Protein backbone atom coordinates (compact mmCIF):
# COMPACT_ATOMS: atom_id res chain seq x y z
CA MET A 1 -62.70 3.86 20.46
CA LYS A 2 -59.73 1.72 19.43
CA GLY A 3 -61.99 -0.67 17.58
CA ALA A 4 -63.87 2.10 15.78
CA HIS A 5 -60.64 3.69 14.61
CA LYS A 6 -58.82 0.51 13.61
CA GLY A 7 -57.10 1.04 10.26
CA LEU A 8 -57.70 4.79 10.35
CA VAL A 9 -55.37 6.87 8.19
CA VAL A 10 -54.26 9.39 10.81
CA ASP A 11 -52.99 12.04 8.42
CA PRO A 12 -54.42 11.64 4.90
CA SER A 13 -52.62 14.76 3.68
CA ALA A 14 -49.24 13.16 4.36
CA ASP A 15 -49.63 12.21 0.68
CA PRO A 16 -50.65 15.66 -0.58
CA GLU A 17 -51.06 14.72 -4.24
CA ALA A 18 -53.49 11.93 -3.38
CA ALA A 19 -55.40 13.88 -0.72
CA CYS A 20 -55.33 17.44 -2.04
CA GLY A 21 -53.96 17.28 -5.57
CA THR A 22 -57.29 16.94 -7.36
CA CYS A 23 -58.07 20.59 -6.63
CA HIS A 24 -54.69 21.99 -5.61
CA SER A 25 -52.40 20.26 -8.09
CA GLU A 26 -49.58 22.83 -8.20
CA ILE A 27 -49.37 23.19 -4.43
CA ALA A 28 -49.62 19.44 -3.86
CA ALA A 29 -46.79 18.80 -6.31
CA ALA A 30 -44.51 21.47 -4.82
CA PHE A 31 -45.13 21.05 -1.11
CA PRO A 32 -43.36 17.69 -0.53
CA LEU A 33 -40.10 19.39 -1.55
CA SER A 34 -40.67 22.50 0.56
CA MET A 35 -38.70 23.34 3.70
CA HIS A 36 -41.81 22.88 5.82
CA ALA A 37 -42.17 19.31 4.58
CA THR A 38 -38.52 18.24 4.45
CA LEU A 39 -36.94 20.28 7.27
CA GLN A 40 -34.09 20.71 4.80
CA GLY A 41 -32.64 23.73 6.56
CA GLU A 42 -32.27 21.82 9.82
CA LEU A 43 -30.89 18.78 8.01
CA ASN A 44 -28.27 20.89 6.24
CA MET A 45 -27.04 22.38 9.51
CA ILE A 46 -26.72 18.96 11.17
CA GLU A 47 -24.94 17.50 8.16
CA ALA A 48 -22.49 20.41 8.00
CA ARG A 49 -21.54 19.92 11.65
CA ALA A 50 -21.43 16.13 11.29
CA GLY A 51 -19.25 16.37 8.18
CA HIS A 52 -21.29 13.90 6.14
CA SER A 53 -24.76 13.17 4.80
CA LEU A 54 -27.25 11.71 7.24
CA ASP A 55 -28.30 9.29 4.51
CA HIS A 56 -25.06 7.39 5.09
CA ASP A 57 -25.61 7.07 8.83
CA PRO A 58 -28.72 5.06 9.80
CA ASP A 59 -28.29 5.88 13.49
CA MET A 60 -28.33 9.61 12.74
CA VAL A 61 -31.35 9.17 10.45
CA ALA A 62 -33.23 7.24 13.15
CA GLY A 63 -32.34 9.90 15.71
CA PHE A 64 -33.44 12.72 13.44
CA ASP A 65 -36.75 11.00 12.70
CA ALA A 66 -37.38 10.43 16.41
CA SER A 67 -36.31 13.84 17.71
CA CYS A 68 -36.89 16.29 14.87
CA SER A 69 -39.57 15.01 12.52
CA GLY A 70 -42.36 16.14 14.86
CA CYS A 71 -41.90 19.57 13.27
CA HIS A 72 -42.40 18.13 9.77
CA ALA A 73 -45.57 19.64 8.34
CA THR A 74 -48.31 18.25 6.13
CA CYS A 75 -51.23 20.12 4.57
CA GLY A 76 -53.44 19.06 7.45
CA SER A 77 -51.07 20.19 10.18
CA CYS A 78 -51.48 23.77 8.93
CA HIS A 79 -55.09 23.73 7.74
CA VAL A 80 -57.07 21.26 9.88
CA SER A 81 -55.23 20.22 13.06
CA ARG A 82 -52.63 21.24 15.57
CA PRO A 83 -49.09 20.06 14.84
CA LYS A 84 -47.98 16.74 16.29
CA SER A 85 -45.25 18.58 18.18
CA VAL A 86 -47.90 20.16 20.44
CA GLY A 87 -50.13 17.13 20.79
CA GLY A 88 -52.21 17.30 17.61
CA GLY A 89 -55.99 17.46 17.67
CA LEU A 90 -58.53 18.91 15.26
CA ILE A 91 -59.06 22.68 15.29
CA ASP A 92 -62.60 22.84 13.93
CA SER A 93 -63.79 19.25 13.57
CA HIS A 94 -62.84 18.06 10.08
CA VAL A 95 -63.08 21.49 8.47
CA PHE A 96 -60.05 22.58 6.43
CA ASN A 97 -59.45 26.25 7.14
CA ARG A 98 -57.99 28.24 4.27
CA GLN A 99 -56.09 30.50 6.66
CA PRO A 100 -54.09 28.73 9.40
CA SER A 101 -54.54 29.82 12.99
CA MET A 102 -51.62 31.92 14.19
CA VAL A 103 -51.82 30.41 17.70
CA ASP A 104 -52.94 26.84 17.03
CA GLN A 105 -50.74 26.28 14.03
CA CYS A 106 -48.03 28.85 13.21
CA THR A 107 -46.77 29.59 16.71
CA ALA A 108 -47.65 26.12 17.94
CA CYS A 109 -44.44 25.15 16.11
CA HIS A 110 -42.63 28.51 16.05
CA GLY A 111 -43.59 29.43 19.58
CA SER A 112 -40.76 29.49 22.08
CA ARG A 113 -39.02 32.30 20.22
CA VAL A 114 -41.12 33.81 17.42
CA GLY A 115 -44.50 33.37 19.10
CA GLU A 116 -43.47 34.66 22.52
CA GLU A 117 -41.68 37.65 21.06
CA TYR A 118 -44.35 38.57 18.53
CA ARG A 119 -47.11 38.60 21.14
CA GLY A 120 -44.99 40.32 23.77
CA LEU A 121 -45.13 37.43 26.23
CA HIS A 122 -41.95 38.50 28.04
CA ARG A 123 -43.74 41.37 29.79
CA ASP A 124 -43.38 39.65 33.17
CA GLU A 125 -39.63 39.34 32.71
CA ILE A 126 -38.78 42.76 31.26
CA ASP A 127 -40.48 46.00 32.25
CA GLY A 128 -41.85 47.79 29.22
CA TYR A 129 -41.62 44.76 26.95
CA SER A 130 -44.17 45.00 24.16
CA GLY A 131 -45.67 42.89 21.45
CA ASP A 132 -44.43 43.45 17.92
CA ALA A 133 -45.76 46.64 16.31
CA HIS A 134 -47.32 44.57 13.52
CA TYR A 135 -49.08 42.29 16.03
CA LEU A 136 -50.42 45.23 18.02
CA SER A 137 -51.91 46.65 14.82
CA GLY A 138 -53.74 43.36 14.16
CA GLY A 139 -51.17 41.73 11.90
CA LYS A 140 -50.96 37.95 11.80
CA CYS A 141 -48.23 35.77 10.33
CA GLU A 142 -49.62 35.93 6.80
CA MET A 143 -49.13 39.70 6.84
CA CYS A 144 -45.50 39.00 5.92
CA HIS A 145 -45.38 35.27 5.18
CA GLY A 146 -47.48 34.43 2.14
CA ALA A 147 -48.78 31.14 0.77
CA GLU A 148 -46.00 30.84 -1.80
CA GLU A 149 -43.36 30.93 0.92
CA MET A 150 -45.20 28.32 2.99
CA HIS A 151 -45.93 25.92 0.13
CA THR A 152 -43.00 26.09 -2.25
CA THR A 153 -39.82 27.36 -0.57
CA GLN A 154 -36.85 25.14 -1.33
CA ALA A 155 -33.48 26.45 -0.19
CA GLU A 156 -30.30 25.65 1.67
CA HIS A 157 -31.75 27.56 4.62
CA ARG A 158 -34.53 30.09 5.07
CA TYR A 159 -32.37 33.19 4.45
CA ALA A 160 -31.33 31.75 1.10
CA ALA A 161 -34.95 31.63 -0.08
CA ASP A 162 -36.20 34.15 -2.62
CA THR A 163 -39.61 34.02 -0.93
CA MET A 164 -38.26 35.21 2.43
CA PRO A 165 -39.88 38.57 3.28
CA GLN A 166 -37.83 41.66 4.04
CA CYS A 167 -38.85 44.86 5.80
CA ILE A 168 -38.26 46.92 2.68
CA ASP A 169 -41.02 44.96 0.89
CA CYS A 170 -43.56 47.09 2.75
CA HIS A 171 -41.51 50.01 4.05
CA GLU A 172 -40.30 51.49 0.82
CA GLY A 173 -38.56 54.85 0.88
CA VAL A 174 -37.45 54.65 4.52
CA GLU A 175 -33.79 55.01 3.54
CA SER A 176 -34.06 58.79 3.79
CA ALA A 177 -36.76 59.00 6.44
CA ASN A 178 -34.39 60.38 9.08
CA THR A 179 -30.71 61.01 9.83
CA TYR A 180 -30.16 57.61 11.40
CA HIS A 181 -31.51 55.77 8.38
CA LEU A 182 -29.29 57.84 6.11
CA MET A 183 -26.27 56.95 8.23
CA HIS A 184 -26.93 53.28 8.92
CA MET A 185 -29.40 51.82 6.43
CA GLU A 186 -26.75 50.09 4.33
CA ASP A 187 -24.73 48.88 7.31
CA LEU A 188 -27.29 47.66 9.84
CA SER A 189 -30.24 45.30 9.61
CA CYS A 190 -33.51 46.90 10.67
CA GLN A 191 -33.64 44.65 13.75
CA VAL A 192 -30.38 46.09 15.09
CA CYS A 193 -32.23 49.29 15.98
CA HIS A 194 -35.85 48.19 16.14
CA SER A 195 -35.88 44.85 17.98
CA GLN A 196 -36.28 44.31 21.69
CA ASP A 197 -34.50 41.61 23.72
CA TYR A 198 -35.12 38.08 22.50
CA LYS A 199 -34.68 34.50 23.69
CA ASN A 200 -31.33 32.74 23.44
CA CYS A 201 -30.71 29.07 24.20
CA ALA A 202 -27.68 26.80 24.58
CA SER A 203 -26.66 23.25 25.38
CA CYS A 204 -29.65 21.31 24.10
CA HIS A 205 -29.45 17.52 24.18
CA VAL A 206 -31.77 15.09 22.45
CA PRO A 207 -34.11 13.73 23.51
CA ASP A 208 -34.14 15.52 26.89
CA GLY A 209 -33.98 19.18 25.87
CA LEU A 210 -32.09 22.15 27.31
CA ASP A 211 -29.44 21.57 29.97
CA GLU A 212 -29.07 25.31 30.47
CA THR A 213 -31.80 27.86 31.18
CA SER A 214 -32.65 30.09 28.22
CA TRP A 215 -32.06 33.82 28.59
CA LEU A 216 -33.32 37.08 27.14
CA GLY A 217 -30.70 39.31 25.60
CA PHE A 218 -29.63 41.28 22.58
CA LYS A 219 -26.49 40.94 20.47
CA ILE A 220 -25.23 42.81 17.41
CA GLY A 221 -22.45 41.20 15.42
CA ARG A 222 -20.96 40.93 11.97
CA ASN A 223 -23.17 39.34 9.34
CA PRO A 224 -22.51 35.57 9.05
CA LEU A 225 -24.60 35.34 5.83
CA PRO A 226 -23.18 38.03 3.56
CA ASP A 227 -24.02 36.02 0.43
CA TYR A 228 -27.72 36.22 1.26
CA ARG A 229 -28.21 39.42 3.27
CA GLU A 230 -26.42 42.73 2.71
CA PRO A 231 -26.04 44.53 6.08
CA ALA A 232 -22.59 44.39 7.59
CA PHE A 233 -24.01 44.19 11.14
CA VAL A 234 -27.06 42.19 12.21
CA THR A 235 -28.75 40.78 15.27
CA LEU A 236 -27.37 37.40 16.35
CA ARG A 237 -29.14 34.77 18.45
CA HIS A 238 -27.44 31.96 20.35
CA ILE A 239 -28.97 28.69 19.24
CA PRO A 240 -29.67 25.55 21.33
CA ILE A 241 -26.67 23.46 20.29
CA SER A 242 -23.52 22.01 21.82
CA ALA A 243 -20.81 19.65 20.62
CA ASP A 244 -22.61 16.65 22.15
CA THR A 245 -26.20 17.68 21.39
CA TYR A 246 -26.88 14.47 19.48
CA ALA A 247 -24.97 12.06 21.70
CA GLY A 248 -28.35 10.70 22.80
CA TRP A 249 -28.70 9.13 19.38
CA GLY A 250 -25.94 6.72 20.31
CA VAL A 251 -23.59 8.05 17.63
CA GLU A 252 -19.89 8.40 18.42
CA ASP A 253 -18.63 11.96 17.87
CA PRO A 254 -21.86 12.99 16.04
CA LEU A 255 -20.71 16.59 15.41
CA ALA A 256 -17.07 16.20 14.44
CA TYR A 257 -17.19 19.56 12.65
CA TYR A 258 -19.13 21.35 15.38
CA GLU A 259 -17.20 24.61 14.98
CA SER A 260 -17.69 24.78 11.20
CA LEU A 261 -20.82 26.90 11.74
CA PRO A 262 -21.49 29.75 14.18
CA THR A 263 -23.55 29.18 17.28
CA TRP A 264 -24.42 32.89 17.26
CA LYS A 265 -26.63 32.86 14.18
CA TYR A 266 -28.25 35.53 12.02
CA THR A 267 -31.69 36.17 13.44
CA SER A 268 -34.75 38.30 12.68
CA PRO A 269 -36.51 38.82 16.02
CA HIS A 270 -40.27 39.23 15.68
CA ASN A 271 -40.58 41.95 18.33
CA ILE A 272 -40.25 45.14 16.31
CA GLN A 273 -40.92 48.53 17.86
CA ARG A 274 -40.22 52.00 16.50
CA TRP A 275 -38.81 53.14 19.83
CA THR A 276 -36.38 50.79 21.54
CA ALA A 277 -33.47 51.09 23.94
CA ARG A 278 -31.28 51.99 20.94
CA THR A 279 -33.58 54.48 19.20
CA GLU A 280 -35.03 56.32 22.21
CA VAL A 281 -32.45 58.58 23.85
CA GLU A 282 -32.45 61.57 26.15
CA ASP A 283 -33.07 65.00 24.60
CA GLY A 284 -29.88 66.28 23.04
CA ASP A 285 -28.21 62.86 22.88
CA SER A 286 -27.54 60.84 19.74
CA CYS A 287 -27.85 57.10 19.21
CA ALA A 288 -24.14 56.90 20.07
CA GLU A 289 -25.11 57.31 23.72
CA ALA A 290 -27.55 54.41 23.55
CA CYS A 291 -25.65 52.08 21.24
CA HIS A 292 -22.09 52.90 20.21
CA ASN A 293 -20.93 53.40 23.79
CA THR A 294 -22.25 50.08 25.07
CA PRO A 295 -19.56 48.48 27.27
CA ALA A 296 -17.59 45.47 25.99
CA THR A 297 -19.16 43.04 28.48
CA VAL A 298 -21.45 40.03 28.26
CA ASP A 299 -24.30 42.42 29.07
CA GLY A 300 -23.40 44.81 26.25
CA TRP A 301 -25.26 44.86 22.98
CA PHE A 302 -22.33 43.93 20.76
CA LEU A 303 -20.99 40.39 20.41
CA ARG A 304 -17.52 40.77 21.89
CA GLN A 305 -14.52 38.59 22.70
CA VAL A 306 -15.80 38.30 26.27
CA ASP A 307 -18.88 36.45 24.95
CA LEU A 308 -16.64 33.94 23.20
CA ASP A 309 -14.46 33.55 26.29
CA ALA A 310 -17.56 32.51 28.20
CA ARG A 311 -17.94 29.50 25.86
CA PRO A 312 -14.42 28.50 24.74
CA ASP A 313 -15.54 25.50 22.69
CA GLU A 314 -17.45 27.91 20.43
CA SER A 315 -14.75 30.54 20.04
CA LEU A 316 -13.45 29.40 16.66
CA ALA A 317 -16.96 29.13 15.23
CA ASN A 318 -17.85 32.71 16.13
CA GLU A 319 -14.62 34.72 16.11
CA ALA A 320 -15.27 36.17 12.65
CA TYR A 321 -18.52 37.79 13.83
CA ILE A 322 -17.47 39.64 16.97
CA VAL A 323 -17.15 43.42 17.16
CA PRO A 324 -13.77 44.71 18.43
CA ASP A 325 -13.82 45.95 22.01
CA SER A 326 -13.29 49.55 20.94
CA VAL A 327 -16.24 51.85 20.32
CA PRO A 328 -17.57 50.98 16.83
CA THR A 329 -17.09 54.31 15.08
CA ALA A 330 -16.71 52.83 11.59
CA TRP A 331 -19.15 50.27 10.23
CA ASP A 332 -16.84 48.41 7.90
């Protein structure tokens, strides 16, 4: 086998203009600059916490290439094979499929959070947990995420992209659908009311992975991306980072500006349901009983000071996004 494959070009579409550009010239020209190809969003976050460009630090570049570039996508890793990050391998011999496989390609990379939540794979951990309403109705990733977003998106991060889908793209006119929408539509992201619990991670270290077990939970906090998304309050997810996450790259003090960005980040859980623990209440009760009156504890739905106290080295990074311990009667 080794002899027969000597000199084989493993991934011809790594040069998309040469491999695919004859027929798909516009896509082939745009894709090398896209977020899927460059991982620019991830790079920007690392550079912000490091306080400098990775280009000026060969050790950081080498570490990034070794630990992160497995998620870098080529045309083939979406249309002909499984991503390298999950072992690779052809999906359907050498056939290029126009529509990527949700399981073998999309959630092969975006699996531990998006994929598990979308397909309702936390049923064994939480009674009543369900797949996303769109998934249960037969919807696959391309229902919301179109080809233009996949092929051409260039942005500081995904929420800054014009191609990023929003619920209102399909659900027009819901602002006045019921009393709760009239009260909260401008203040709350849709996920605040309509998401189920989702996965949170912390203390990841390259190249070994998580030092702390992930957990399922739900947090509402102030919007850390007001320049890109309008709601005052959104769902926040704890990300797998710590001050010494990249120490394994052999770089001294790799994240000198660790607290310059929140570790509780804006998130859009892919586990939407019409009726959730915040929208389904006892007869005669309002959503205040299910949501507003949640206790100010680590188990409560709002990001509170107690959550920051649990991780003191992250307090400064997140203090602007917590909800005061009082009952949130005013959304301002």
